[in-house]
Amino acid sequence: MRRVVFNSKNVTVDMGRGNRLFSGPAAIAAKIGTDQCYWPTCWVRVSNCQVDHLDPYNGKNEGRTDQVNSGPLCGKHNRLKQAAGFTTYRDDDGLWHVLRPDGTEIDP
């Protein structure tokens, strides 16, 4: 049995303690509630996605390895995000947003 806490928008907000990498329950929690990569127009199934830190992990409080700072991203887009300087976030309604390095949003 596992404890999973969702907010009012059906976004997983807690499923246990965080570590550097998403594995076990943390990886499951990051993928619950969606069926594909969160990058706009990407159709890679969540089962084939990595778990991304929305705010990059840096060993400090920023970039925590927890469910609020996570989301399913395919390998291609995870590498692109890091290499090209894209930023991502999930709003209060649980919707994903991907911003180009210049700050403009990629249309969903």
PDB file of N, CA and C in Angstrom:
ATOM      1  N   MET A   1       0.847  -1.167   0.000  1.00  0.00           N
ATOM      2  CA  MET A   1       0.000   0.000   0.000  1.00  0.00           C
ATOM      3  C   MET A   1       0.897   1.235   0.000  1.00  0.00           C
ATOM      4  N   ARG A   2       0.528   2.237  -0.785  1.00  0.00           N
ATOM      5  CA  ARG A   2       1.279   3.482  -0.855  1.00  0.00           C
ATOM      6  C   ARG A   2       0.352   4.657  -0.626  1.00  0.00           C
ATOM      7  N   ARG A   3       0.883   5.675   0.048  1.00  0.00           N
ATOM      8  CA  ARG A   3       0.138   6.901   0.269  1.00  0.00           C
ATOM      9  C   ARG A   3       0.462   7.861  -0.869  1.00  0.00           C
ATOM     10  N   VAL A   4      -0.564   8.381  -1.526  1.00  0.00           N
ATOM     11  CA  VAL A   4      -0.400   9.371  -2.590  1.00  0.00           C
ATOM     12  C   VAL A   4      -1.324  10.533  -2.268  1.00  0.00           C
ATOM     13  N   VAL A   5      -0.780  11.763  -2.275  1.00  0.00           N
ATOM     14  CA  VAL A   5      -1.570  12.948  -1.979  1.00  0.00           C
ATOM     15  C   VAL A   5      -1.691  13.770  -3.255  1.00  0.00           C
ATOM     16  N   PHE A   6      -2.933  14.075  -3.643  1.00  0.00           N
ATOM     17  CA  PHE A   6      -3.222  14.902  -4.813  1.00  0.00           C
ATOM     18  C   PHE A   6      -3.775  16.242  -4.336  1.00  0.00           C
ATOM     19  N   ASN A   7      -3.504  17.302  -5.106  1.00  0.00           N
ATOM     20  CA  ASN A   7      -4.148  18.573  -4.788  1.00  0.00           C
ATOM     21  C   ASN A   7      -5.516  18.620  -5.467  1.00  0.00           C
ATOM     22  N   SER A   8      -6.195  19.744  -5.374  1.00  0.00           N
ATOM     23  CA  SER A   8      -7.557  19.837  -5.917  1.00  0.00           C
ATOM     24  C   SER A   8      -7.596  19.765  -7.441  1.00  0.00           C
ATOM     25  N   LYS A   9      -6.441  19.929  -8.101  1.00  0.00           N
ATOM     26  CA  LYS A   9      -6.365  19.855  -9.561  1.00  0.00           C
ATOM     27  C   LYS A   9      -5.877  18.485 -10.033  1.00  0.00           C
ATOM     28  N   ASN A  10      -5.831  17.497  -9.122  1.00  0.00           N
ATOM     29  CA  ASN A  10      -5.429  16.126  -9.421  1.00  0.00           C
ATOM     30  C   ASN A  10      -3.941  16.004  -9.776  1.00  0.00           C
ATOM     31  N   VAL A  11      -3.108  16.897  -9.214  1.00  0.00           N
ATOM     32  CA  VAL A  11      -1.661  16.832  -9.395  1.00  0.00           C
ATOM     33  C   VAL A  11      -1.075  16.180  -8.153  1.00  0.00           C
ATOM     34  N   THR A  12      -0.227  15.179  -8.354  1.00  0.00           N
ATOM     35  CA  THR A  12       0.414  14.514  -7.227  1.00  0.00           C
ATOM     36  C   THR A  12       1.330  15.503  -6.525  1.00  0.00           C
ATOM     37  N   VAL A  13       1.158  15.692  -5.222  1.00  0.00           N
ATOM     38  CA  VAL A  13       1.977  16.638  -4.480  1.00  0.00           C
ATOM     39  C   VAL A  13       2.849  15.972  -3.420  1.00  0.00           C
ATOM     40  N   ASP A  14       2.571  14.732  -3.098  1.00  0.00           N
ATOM     41  CA  ASP A  14       3.412  14.058  -2.119  1.00  0.00           C
ATOM     42  C   ASP A  14       3.255  12.549  -2.260  1.00  0.00           C
ATOM     43  N   MET A  15       4.388  11.881  -2.236  1.00  0.00           N
ATOM     44  CA  MET A  15       4.373  10.427  -2.260  1.00  0.00           C
ATOM     45  C   MET A  15       5.627   9.892  -1.587  1.00  0.00           C
ATOM     46  N   GLY A  16       6.139  10.645  -0.659  1.00  0.00           N
ATOM     47  CA  GLY A  16       7.313  10.176   0.054  1.00  0.00           C
ATOM     48  C   GLY A  16       8.467  11.152  -0.023  1.00  0.00           C
ATOM     49  N   ARG A  17       9.574  10.732   0.519  1.00  0.00           N
ATOM     50  CA  ARG A  17      10.775  11.545   0.643  1.00  0.00           C
ATOM     51  C   ARG A  17      11.541  11.644  -0.660  1.00  0.00           C
ATOM     52  N   GLY A  18      12.233  12.759  -0.886  1.00  0.00           N
ATOM     53  CA  GLY A  18      12.990  12.954  -2.114  1.00  0.00           C
ATOM     54  C   GLY A  18      14.449  12.553  -2.018  1.00  0.00           C
ATOM     55  N   ASN A  19      15.031  12.165  -3.127  1.00  0.00           N
ATOM     56  CA  ASN A  19      16.446  11.857  -3.280  1.00  0.00           C
ATOM     57  C   ASN A  19      16.945  12.551  -4.530  1.00  0.00           C
ATOM     58  N   ARG A  20      18.173  12.285  -4.928  1.00  0.00           N
ATOM     59  CA  ARG A  20      18.743  12.918  -6.114  1.00  0.00           C
ATOM     60  C   ARG A  20      18.038  12.469  -7.391  1.00  0.00           C
ATOM     61  N   LEU A  21      17.784  11.180  -7.512  1.00  0.00           N
ATOM     62  CA  LEU A  21      17.144  10.632  -8.706  1.00  0.00           C
ATOM     63  C   LEU A  21      15.721  10.197  -8.387  1.00  0.00           C
ATOM     64  N   PHE A  22      14.890  10.293  -9.382  1.00  0.00           N
ATOM     65  CA  PHE A  22      13.514   9.825  -9.225  1.00  0.00           C
ATOM     66  C   PHE A  22      13.492   8.325  -9.477  1.00  0.00           C
ATOM     67  N   SER A  23      13.113   7.572  -8.462  1.00  0.00           N
ATOM     68  CA  SER A  23      12.989   6.124  -8.624  1.00  0.00           C
ATOM     69  C   SER A  23      11.861   5.643  -7.724  1.00  0.00           C
ATOM     70  N   GLY A  24      11.447   4.431  -7.943  1.00  0.00           N
ATOM     71  CA  GLY A  24      10.396   3.847  -7.121  1.00  0.00           C
ATOM     72  C   GLY A  24       9.158   4.724  -7.044  1.00  0.00           C
ATOM     73  N   PRO A  25       8.651   4.956  -5.822  1.00  0.00           N
ATOM     74  CA  PRO A  25       7.428   5.744  -5.657  1.00  0.00           C
ATOM     75  C   PRO A  25       7.517   7.158  -6.226  1.00  0.00           C
ATOM     76  N   ALA A  26       8.679   7.793  -6.134  1.00  0.00           N
ATOM     77  CA  ALA A  26       8.822   9.162  -6.664  1.00  0.00           C
ATOM     78  C   ALA A  26       8.649   9.179  -8.177  1.00  0.00           C
ATOM     79  N   ALA A  27       9.198   8.195  -8.864  1.00  0.00           N
ATOM     80  CA  ALA A  27       9.046   8.116 -10.327  1.00  0.00           C
ATOM     81  C   ALA A  27       7.593   7.825 -10.700  1.00  0.00           C
ATOM     82  N   ILE A  28       6.961   6.955  -9.945  1.00  0.00           N
ATOM     83  CA  ILE A  28       5.548   6.647 -10.191  1.00  0.00           C
ATOM     84  C   ILE A  28       4.707   7.900 -10.001  1.00  0.00           C
ATOM     85  N   ALA A  29       4.950   8.630  -8.920  1.00  0.00           N
ATOM     86  CA  ALA A  29       4.177   9.837  -8.633  1.00  0.00           C
ATOM     87  C   ALA A  29       4.340  10.882  -9.726  1.00  0.00           C
ATOM     88  N   ALA A  30       5.528  10.999 -10.286  1.00  0.00           N
ATOM     89  CA  ALA A  30       5.778  11.985 -11.342  1.00  0.00           C
ATOM     90  C   ALA A  30       5.016  11.654 -12.617  1.00  0.00           C
ATOM     91  N   LYS A  31       4.702  10.389 -12.808  1.00  0.00           N
ATOM     92  CA  LYS A  31       4.044   9.960 -14.042  1.00  0.00           C
ATOM     93  C   LYS A  31       2.533   9.760 -13.901  1.00  0.00           C
ATOM     94  N   ILE A  32       2.050   9.750 -12.665  1.00  0.00           N
ATOM     95  CA  ILE A  32       0.612   9.569 -12.439  1.00  0.00           C
ATOM     96  C   ILE A  32      -0.141  10.791 -12.971  1.00  0.00           C
ATOM     97  N   GLY A  33      -1.239  10.568 -13.613  1.00  0.00           N
ATOM     98  CA  GLY A  33      -2.091  11.672 -14.041  1.00  0.00           C
ATOM     99  C   GLY A  33      -1.848  12.142 -15.459  1.00  0.00           C
ATOM    100  N   THR A  34      -0.926  11.517 -16.164  1.00  0.00           N
ATOM    101  CA  THR A  34      -0.691  11.868 -17.556  1.00  0.00           C
ATOM    102  C   THR A  34      -0.341  10.608 -18.318  1.00  0.00           C
ATOM    103  N   ASP A  35      -0.452  10.657 -19.627  1.00  0.00           N
ATOM    104  CA  ASP A  35      -0.134   9.461 -20.402  1.00  0.00           C
ATOM    105  C   ASP A  35       0.960   9.693 -21.437  1.00  0.00           C
ATOM    106  N   GLN A  36       1.548  10.910 -21.445  1.00  0.00           N
ATOM    107  CA  GLN A  36       2.588  11.182 -22.438  1.00  0.00           C
ATOM    108  C   GLN A  36       3.551  12.250 -21.937  1.00  0.00           C
ATOM    109  N   CYS A  37       4.637  12.426 -22.664  1.00  0.00           N
ATOM    110  CA  CYS A  37       5.625  13.479 -22.414  1.00  0.00           C
ATOM    111  C   CYS A  37       4.900  14.821 -22.336  1.00  0.00           C
ATOM    112  N   TYR A  38       5.310  15.683 -21.413  1.00  0.00           N
ATOM    113  CA  TYR A  38       4.599  16.951 -21.264  1.00  0.00           C
ATOM    114  C   TYR A  38       5.013  18.019 -22.279  1.00  0.00           C
ATOM    115  N   TRP A  39       6.032  17.765 -23.123  1.00  0.00           N
ATOM    116  CA  TRP A  39       6.450  18.732 -24.136  1.00  0.00           C
ATOM    117  C   TRP A  39       5.332  18.886 -25.172  1.00  0.00           C
ATOM    118  N   PRO A  40       4.994  20.119 -25.562  1.00  0.00           N
ATOM    119  CA  PRO A  40       3.913  20.315 -26.533  1.00  0.00           C
ATOM    120  C   PRO A  40       4.133  19.528 -27.825  1.00  0.00           C
ATOM    121  N   THR A  41       3.110  18.902 -28.292  1.00  0.00           N
ATOM    122  CA  THR A  41       3.045  18.085 -29.513  1.00  0.00           C
ATOM    123  C   THR A  41       3.926  16.842 -29.478  1.00  0.00           C
ATOM    124  N   CYS A  42       4.406  16.441 -28.317  1.00  0.00           N
ATOM    125  CA  CYS A  42       5.161  15.183 -28.212  1.00  0.00           C
ATOM    126  C   CYS A  42       4.210  14.097 -27.732  1.00  0.00           C
ATOM    127  N   TRP A  43       4.241  12.974 -28.415  1.00  0.00           N
ATOM    128  CA  TRP A  43       3.295  11.899 -28.116  1.00  0.00           C
ATOM    129  C   TRP A  43       3.964  10.671 -27.521  1.00  0.00           C
ATOM    130  N   VAL A  44       5.196  10.799 -27.019  1.00  0.00           N
ATOM    131  CA  VAL A  44       5.887   9.655 -26.403  1.00  0.00           C
ATOM    132  C   VAL A  44       5.130   9.254 -25.139  1.00  0.00           C
ATOM    133  N   ARG A  45       4.799   7.977 -25.039  1.00  0.00           N
ATOM    134  CA  ARG A  45       4.043   7.454 -23.898  1.00  0.00           C
ATOM    135  C   ARG A  45       4.825   7.648 -22.605  1.00  0.00           C
ATOM    136  N   VAL A  46       4.129   7.908 -21.524  1.00  0.00           N
ATOM    137  CA  VAL A  46       4.759   8.156 -20.233  1.00  0.00           C
ATOM    138  C   VAL A  46       5.628   6.974 -19.793  1.00  0.00           C
ATOM    139  N   SER A  47       5.259   5.766 -20.198  1.00  0.00           N
ATOM    140  CA  SER A  47       6.062   4.591 -19.834  1.00  0.00           C
ATOM    141  C   SER A  47       7.444   4.618 -20.473  1.00  0.00           C
ATOM    142  N   ASN A  48       7.616   5.424 -21.521  1.00  0.00           N
ATOM    143  CA  ASN A  48       8.910   5.562 -22.187  1.00  0.00           C
ATOM    144  C   ASN A  48       9.591   6.892 -21.859  1.00  0.00           C
ATOM    145  N   CYS A  49       9.106   7.592 -20.853  1.00  0.00           N
ATOM    146  CA  CYS A  49       9.656   8.893 -20.473  1.00  0.00           C
ATOM    147  C   CYS A  49      10.589   8.778 -19.274  1.00  0.00           C
ATOM    148  N   GLN A  50      11.458   9.767 -19.169  1.00  0.00           N
ATOM    149  CA  GLN A  50      12.290   9.956 -17.991  1.00  0.00           C
ATOM    150  C   GLN A  50      11.520  10.879 -17.056  1.00  0.00           C
ATOM    151  N   VAL A  51      11.970  10.969 -15.813  1.00  0.00           N
ATOM    152  CA  VAL A  51      11.365  11.920 -14.889  1.00  0.00           C
ATOM    153  C   VAL A  51      12.300  13.119 -14.800  1.00  0.00           C
ATOM    154  N   ASP A  52      11.776  14.272 -15.142  1.00  0.00           N
ATOM    155  CA  ASP A  52      12.542  15.510 -15.222  1.00  0.00           C
ATOM    156  C   ASP A  52      12.366  16.355 -13.967  1.00  0.00           C
ATOM    157  N   HIS A  53      13.460  17.003 -13.539  1.00  0.00           N
ATOM    158  CA  HIS A  53      13.377  18.054 -12.517  1.00  0.00           C
ATOM    159  C   HIS A  53      12.929  19.327 -13.238  1.00  0.00           C
ATOM    160  N   LEU A  54      11.787  19.880 -12.879  1.00  0.00           N
ATOM    161  CA  LEU A  54      11.335  21.123 -13.509  1.00  0.00           C
ATOM    162  C   LEU A  54      12.340  22.239 -13.233  1.00  0.00           C
ATOM    163  N   ASP A  55      12.709  22.418 -11.968  1.00  0.00           N
ATOM    164  CA  ASP A  55      13.823  23.288 -11.604  1.00  0.00           C
ATOM    165  C   ASP A  55      15.018  22.369 -11.459  1.00  0.00           C
ATOM    166  N   PRO A  56      16.104  22.618 -12.183  1.00  0.00           N
ATOM    167  CA  PRO A  56      17.239  21.689 -12.186  1.00  0.00           C
ATOM    168  C   PRO A  56      17.794  21.403 -10.796  1.00  0.00           C
ATOM    169  N   TYR A  57      18.185  20.167 -10.597  1.00  0.00           N
ATOM    170  CA  TYR A  57      18.813  19.746  -9.345  1.00  0.00           C
ATOM    171  C   TYR A  57      20.185  20.389  -9.257  1.00  0.00           C
ATOM    172  N   ASN A  58      20.496  21.001  -8.113  1.00  0.00           N
ATOM    173  CA  ASN A  58      21.815  21.598  -7.943  1.00  0.00           C
ATOM    174  C   ASN A  58      22.442  21.283  -6.598  1.00  0.00           C
ATOM    175  N   GLY A  59      21.866  20.339  -5.865  1.00  0.00           N
ATOM    176  CA  GLY A  59      22.425  19.948  -4.584  1.00  0.00           C
ATOM    177  C   GLY A  59      22.012  20.840  -3.429  1.00  0.00           C
ATOM    178  N   LYS A  60      21.252  21.893  -3.700  1.00  0.00           N
ATOM    179  CA  LYS A  60      20.760  22.783  -2.649  1.00  0.00           C
ATOM    180  C   LYS A  60      19.249  22.614  -2.562  1.00  0.00           C
ATOM    181  N   ASN A  61      18.575  23.568  -1.949  1.00  0.00           N
ATOM    182  CA  ASN A  61      17.115  23.481  -1.834  1.00  0.00           C
ATOM    183  C   ASN A  61      16.422  23.638  -3.173  1.00  0.00           C
ATOM    184  N   GLU A  62      17.020  24.388  -4.103  1.00  0.00           N
ATOM    185  CA  GLU A  62      16.416  24.518  -5.419  1.00  0.00           C
ATOM    186  C   GLU A  62      16.519  23.182  -6.143  1.00  0.00           C
ATOM    187  N   GLY A  63      15.610  22.931  -7.015  1.00  0.00           N
ATOM    188  CA  GLY A  63      15.663  21.711  -7.805  1.00  0.00           C
ATOM    189  C   GLY A  63      15.465  20.442  -6.999  1.00  0.00           C
ATOM    190  N   ARG A  64      14.591  20.501  -6.021  1.00  0.00           N
ATOM    191  CA  ARG A  64      14.370  19.338  -5.157  1.00  0.00           C
ATOM    192  C   ARG A  64      13.856  18.144  -5.948  1.00  0.00           C
ATOM    193  N   THR A  65      14.208  16.974  -5.470  1.00  0.00           N
ATOM    194  CA  THR A  65      13.705  15.740  -6.065  1.00  0.00           C
ATOM    195  C   THR A  65      12.439  15.360  -5.312  1.00  0.00           C
ATOM    196  N   ASP A  66      11.340  15.997  -5.693  1.00  0.00           N
ATOM    197  CA  ASP A  66      10.046  15.676  -5.107  1.00  0.00           C
ATOM    198  C   ASP A  66       8.973  15.788  -6.183  1.00  0.00           C
ATOM    199  N   GLN A  67       7.780  15.379  -5.843  1.00  0.00           N
ATOM    200  CA  GLN A  67       6.720  15.270  -6.833  1.00  0.00           C
ATOM    201  C   GLN A  67       6.289  16.618  -7.390  1.00  0.00           C
ATOM    202  N   VAL A  68       6.380  17.675  -6.617  1.00  0.00           N
ATOM    203  CA  VAL A  68       5.984  18.996  -7.089  1.00  0.00           C
ATOM    204  C   VAL A  68       6.958  19.503  -8.158  1.00  0.00           C
ATOM    205  N   ASN A  69       8.210  19.070  -8.084  1.00  0.00           N
ATOM    206  CA  ASN A  69       9.249  19.519  -9.015  1.00  0.00           C
ATOM    207  C   ASN A  69       9.559  18.442 -10.053  1.00  0.00           C
ATOM    208  N   SER A  70       8.570  17.717 -10.486  1.00  0.00           N
ATOM    209  CA  SER A  70       8.837  16.617 -11.414  1.00  0.00           C
ATOM    210  C   SER A  70       7.783  16.527 -12.503  1.00  0.00           C
ATOM    211  N   GLY A  71       8.188  15.892 -13.587  1.00  0.00           N
ATOM    212  CA  GLY A  71       7.258  15.645 -14.671  1.00  0.00           C
ATOM    213  C   GLY A  71       7.860  14.688 -15.679  1.00  0.00           C
ATOM    214  N   PRO A  72       7.031  13.966 -16.428  1.00  0.00           N
ATOM    215  CA  PRO A  72       7.517  13.017 -17.417  1.00  0.00           C
ATOM    216  C   PRO A  72       7.955  13.723 -18.702  1.00  0.00           C
ATOM    217  N   LEU A  73       9.188  13.485 -19.091  1.00  0.00           N
ATOM    218  CA  LEU A  73       9.742  14.105 -20.288  1.00  0.00           C
ATOM    219  C   LEU A  73      10.520  13.037 -21.049  1.00  0.00           C
ATOM    220  N   CYS A  74      10.272  12.938 -22.349  1.00  0.00           N
ATOM    221  CA  CYS A  74      11.004  11.948 -23.143  1.00  0.00           C
ATOM    222  C   CYS A  74      12.483  12.322 -23.158  1.00  0.00           C
ATOM    223  N   GLY A  75      13.334  11.363 -23.457  1.00  0.00           N
ATOM    224  CA  GLY A  75      14.775  11.593 -23.456  1.00  0.00           C
ATOM    225  C   GLY A  75      15.194  12.719 -24.380  1.00  0.00           C
ATOM    226  N   LYS A  76      14.613  12.781 -25.565  1.00  0.00           N
ATOM    227  CA  LYS A  76      14.954  13.822 -26.542  1.00  0.00           C
ATOM    228  C   LYS A  76      14.687  15.217 -25.971  1.00  0.00           C
ATOM    229  N   HIS A  77      13.512  15.415 -25.408  1.00  0.00           N
ATOM    230  CA  HIS A  77      13.157  16.733 -24.895  1.00  0.00           C
ATOM    231  C   HIS A  77      13.860  17.043 -23.572  1.00  0.00           C
ATOM    232  N   ASN A  78      14.161  16.037 -22.776  1.00  0.00           N
ATOM    233  CA  ASN A  78      14.917  16.252 -21.550  1.00  0.00           C
ATOM    234  C   ASN A  78      16.316  16.783 -21.894  1.00  0.00           C
ATOM    235  N   ARG A  79      16.961  16.182 -22.889  1.00  0.00           N
ATOM    236  CA  ARG A  79      18.294  16.650 -23.313  1.00  0.00           C
ATOM    237  C   ARG A  79      18.208  18.037 -23.944  1.00  0.00           C
ATOM    238  N   LEU A  80      17.191  18.275 -24.771  1.00  0.00           N
ATOM    239  CA  LEU A  80      17.017  19.575 -25.414  1.00  0.00           C
ATOM    240  C   LEU A  80      16.806  20.669 -24.370  1.00  0.00           C
ATOM    241  N   LYS A  81      15.973  20.388 -23.391  1.00  0.00           N
ATOM    242  CA  LYS A  81      15.685  21.360 -22.335  1.00  0.00           C
ATOM    243  C   LYS A  81      16.970  21.792 -21.645  1.00  0.00           C
ATOM    244  N   GLN A  82      17.798  20.824 -21.285  1.00  0.00           N
ATOM    245  CA  GLN A  82      19.051  21.123 -20.597  1.00  0.00           C
ATOM    246  C   GLN A  82      20.037  21.847 -21.492  1.00  0.00           C
ATOM    247  N   ALA A  83      20.227  21.351 -22.697  1.00  0.00           N
ATOM    248  CA  ALA A  83      21.253  21.882 -23.590  1.00  0.00           C
ATOM    249  C   ALA A  83      20.919  23.267 -24.130  1.00  0.00           C
ATOM    250  N   ALA A  84      19.648  23.524 -24.396  1.00  0.00           N
ATOM    251  CA  ALA A  84      19.262  24.764 -25.064  1.00  0.00           C
ATOM    252  C   ALA A  84      18.725  25.834 -24.115  1.00  0.00           C
ATOM    253  N   GLY A  85      18.511  25.503 -22.852  1.00  0.00           N
ATOM    254  CA  GLY A  85      18.073  26.507 -21.892  1.00  0.00           C
ATOM    255  C   GLY A  85      16.580  26.749 -21.812  1.00  0.00           C
ATOM    256  N   PHE A  86      15.774  25.748 -22.184  1.00  0.00           N
ATOM    257  CA  PHE A  86      14.326  25.866 -22.015  1.00  0.00           C
ATOM    258  C   PHE A  86      13.996  25.776 -20.531  1.00  0.00           C
ATOM    259  N   THR A  87      12.897  26.376 -20.120  1.00  0.00           N
ATOM    260  CA  THR A  87      12.407  26.225 -18.757  1.00  0.00           C
ATOM    261  C   THR A  87      10.982  25.704 -18.819  1.00  0.00           C
ATOM    262  N   THR A  88      10.583  25.022 -17.779  1.00  0.00           N
ATOM    263  CA  THR A  88       9.255  24.416 -17.752  1.00  0.00           C
ATOM    264  C   THR A  88       8.645  24.598 -16.372  1.00  0.00           C
ATOM    265  N   TYR A  89       7.328  24.606 -16.339  1.00  0.00           N
ATOM    266  CA  TYR A  89       6.626  24.630 -15.062  1.00  0.00           C
ATOM    267  C   TYR A  89       5.211  24.120 -15.254  1.00  0.00           C
ATOM    268  N   ARG A  90       4.603  23.761 -14.138  1.00  0.00           N
ATOM    269  CA  ARG A  90       3.212  23.333 -14.121  1.00  0.00           C
ATOM    270  C   ARG A  90       2.449  24.376 -13.317  1.00  0.00           C
ATOM    271  N   ASP A  91       1.373  24.923 -13.879  1.00  0.00           N
ATOM    272  CA  ASP A  91       0.630  25.979 -13.188  1.00  0.00           C
ATOM    273  C   ASP A  91      -0.310  25.388 -12.134  1.00  0.00           C
ATOM    274  N   ASP A  92      -1.020  26.265 -11.447  1.00  0.00           N
ATOM    275  CA  ASP A  92      -1.915  25.843 -10.365  1.00  0.00           C
ATOM    276  C   ASP A  92      -3.058  24.955 -10.842  1.00  0.00           C
ATOM    277  N   ASP A  93      -3.364  24.985 -12.140  1.00  0.00           N
ATOM    278  CA  ASP A  93      -4.400  24.124 -12.702  1.00  0.00           C
ATOM    279  C   ASP A  93      -3.844  22.794 -13.191  1.00  0.00           C
ATOM    280  N   GLY A  94      -2.539  22.585 -13.014  1.00  0.00           N
ATOM    281  CA  GLY A  94      -1.915  21.332 -13.427  1.00  0.00           C
ATOM    282  C   GLY A  94      -1.505  21.308 -14.894  1.00  0.00           C
ATOM    283  N   LEU A  95      -1.573  22.450 -15.583  1.00  0.00           N
ATOM    284  CA  LEU A  95      -1.202  22.512 -16.996  1.00  0.00           C
ATOM    285  C   LEU A  95       0.295  22.776 -17.138  1.00  0.00           C
ATOM    286  N   TRP A  96       0.900  22.127 -18.136  1.00  0.00           N
ATOM    287  CA  TRP A  96       2.332  22.258 -18.381  1.00  0.00           C
ATOM    288  C   TRP A  96       2.623  23.452 -19.277  1.00  0.00           C
ATOM    289  N   HIS A  97       3.736  24.117 -19.019  1.00  0.00           N
ATOM    290  CA  HIS A  97       4.185  25.251 -19.822  1.00  0.00           C
ATOM    291  C   HIS A  97       5.665  25.058 -20.130  1.00  0.00           C
ATOM    292  N   VAL A  98       6.028  25.237 -21.394  1.00  0.00           N
ATOM    293  CA  VAL A  98       7.419  25.134 -21.829  1.00  0.00           C
ATOM    294  C   VAL A  98       7.803  26.480 -22.424  1.00  0.00           C
ATOM    295  N   LEU A  99       8.851  27.077 -21.869  1.00  0.00           N
ATOM    296  CA  LEU A  99       9.304  28.392 -22.306  1.00  0.00           C
ATOM    297  C   LEU A  99      10.630  28.279 -23.034  1.00  0.00           C
ATOM    298  N   ARG A 100      10.710  28.933 -24.180  1.00  0.00           N
ATOM    299  CA  ARG A 100      11.957  28.997 -24.930  1.00  0.00           C
ATOM    300  C   ARG A 100      12.986  29.806 -24.130  1.00  0.00           C
ATOM    301  N   PRO A 101      14.253  29.726 -24.514  1.00  0.00           N
ATOM    302  CA  PRO A 101      15.273  30.506 -23.807  1.00  0.00           C
ATOM    303  C   PRO A 101      14.980  32.016 -23.777  1.00  0.00           C
ATOM    304  N   ASP A 102      14.242  32.541 -24.773  1.00  0.00           N
ATOM    305  CA  ASP A 102      13.909  33.970 -24.781  1.00  0.00           C
ATOM    306  C   ASP A 102      12.680  34.287 -23.928  1.00  0.00           C
ATOM    307  N   GLY A 103      12.085  33.274 -23.282  1.00  0.00           N
ATOM    308  CA  GLY A 103      10.954  33.467 -22.391  1.00  0.00           C
ATOM    309  C   GLY A 103       9.585  33.320 -23.021  1.00  0.00           C
ATOM    310  N   THR A 104       9.527  33.153 -24.345  1.00  0.00           N
ATOM    311  CA  THR A 104       8.231  32.948 -24.987  1.00  0.00           C
ATOM    312  C   THR A 104       7.788  31.503 -24.832  1.00  0.00           C
ATOM    313  N   GLU A 105       6.493  31.321 -24.748  1.00  0.00           N
ATOM    314  CA  GLU A 105       5.956  29.975 -24.514  1.00  0.00           C
ATOM    315  C   GLU A 105       5.715  29.233 -25.832  1.00  0.00           C
ATOM    316  N   ILE A 106       6.028  27.950 -25.814  1.00  0.00           N
ATOM    317  CA  ILE A 106       5.683  27.084 -26.939  1.00  0.00           C
ATOM    318  C   ILE A 106       4.204  26.772 -26.803  1.00  0.00           C
ATOM    319  N   ASP A 107       3.431  27.030 -27.842  1.00  0.00           N
ATOM    320  CA  ASP A 107       1.990  26.777 -27.784  1.00  0.00           C
ATOM    321  C   ASP A 107       1.712  25.297 -27.594  1.00  0.00           C
ATOM    322  N   PRO A 108       0.779  24.998 -26.670  1.00  0.00           N
ATOM    323  CA  PRO A 108       0.442  23.574 -26.438  1.00  0.00           C
ATOM    324  C   PRO A 108      -0.284  22.944 -27.604  1.00  0.00           C
TER     325      PRO A 108
END
